[in-house]
Amino acid sequence: DGLVRDGLEDPTLKLPMGVCAEKSVKDYGISRTSQDEFAIQSYKKASAAWKDGLFAEEVVPVTIKPKRGTEIVVSEDEEYKKLVEAKVSTLSPVFLKDGSGTVTAANASSLNDGAAAAVVVRGDQIPEGVTPLAEVVAFSEAGGEPVDFTVAPVWAVQKLLKQANMSVSEIALWEINEAFSVTALAFIKELNLDPTKVNVKGGAVALGHPLG
């Protein structure tokens, strides 16, 4: 259907994105065990971040009014609470059924609803008394073969660091989209990152991947 075709398939290759992720698994030599462990840590970090109130100022509660029953107020992510750690290693691969598959429902991002908004302005347009949360100092984009989309962020960041004349060691924290655990693991491996500086509040594996 439209959800699968538009949100979960590569439109060029007509392949599920998980099949593309399996190619990256082989290209970078990422084991099933390391993917599962990364996923577990993503859930644990997200849980700790919520417990410590680190998302409190970033979330606007949404009120759902069903036709029947009482209103429901959604004020936090729901996926991170669903981890059953003992089951992670027991799940069957979703995309490759020939015994070589490693990508499962647990070590890939889950399908969720969500929305986000941010206000971006020029430095001279910042209202008096307002302190920006961040400054965009550089940006980059990079492309390659569609089947390798899961690791395209690696190429973009390599290009970005050159443009900004910066090194990996100058970056305090890394936020990497966890479309699949292998995406972040390949990123860490290729750039030789300290894993403790990557997705410190969890990532899409634990928080979910909104489709739409």
Foldseek 3Di string as FASTA:
>chain_A
DCQCQVPAALVVVRAGLLVLLLVLCVVQVPDLVNLLVLLVVLLVLQVVCVVVCVCVVFWDWDWDDDPDDDIDIDTAFDQSVPDDSVCSVVFDADHDPPPSGRFGLQQAFAEDADDHDDDDDDPVPDDPPDDDPDDDPWFFADDDDSSNVLQRVLVRVVVGCVVNVHAPVVDQAAEFAPNGSSSVVSSCVVRVHDVCRYSSNHHRSRRGDYTD
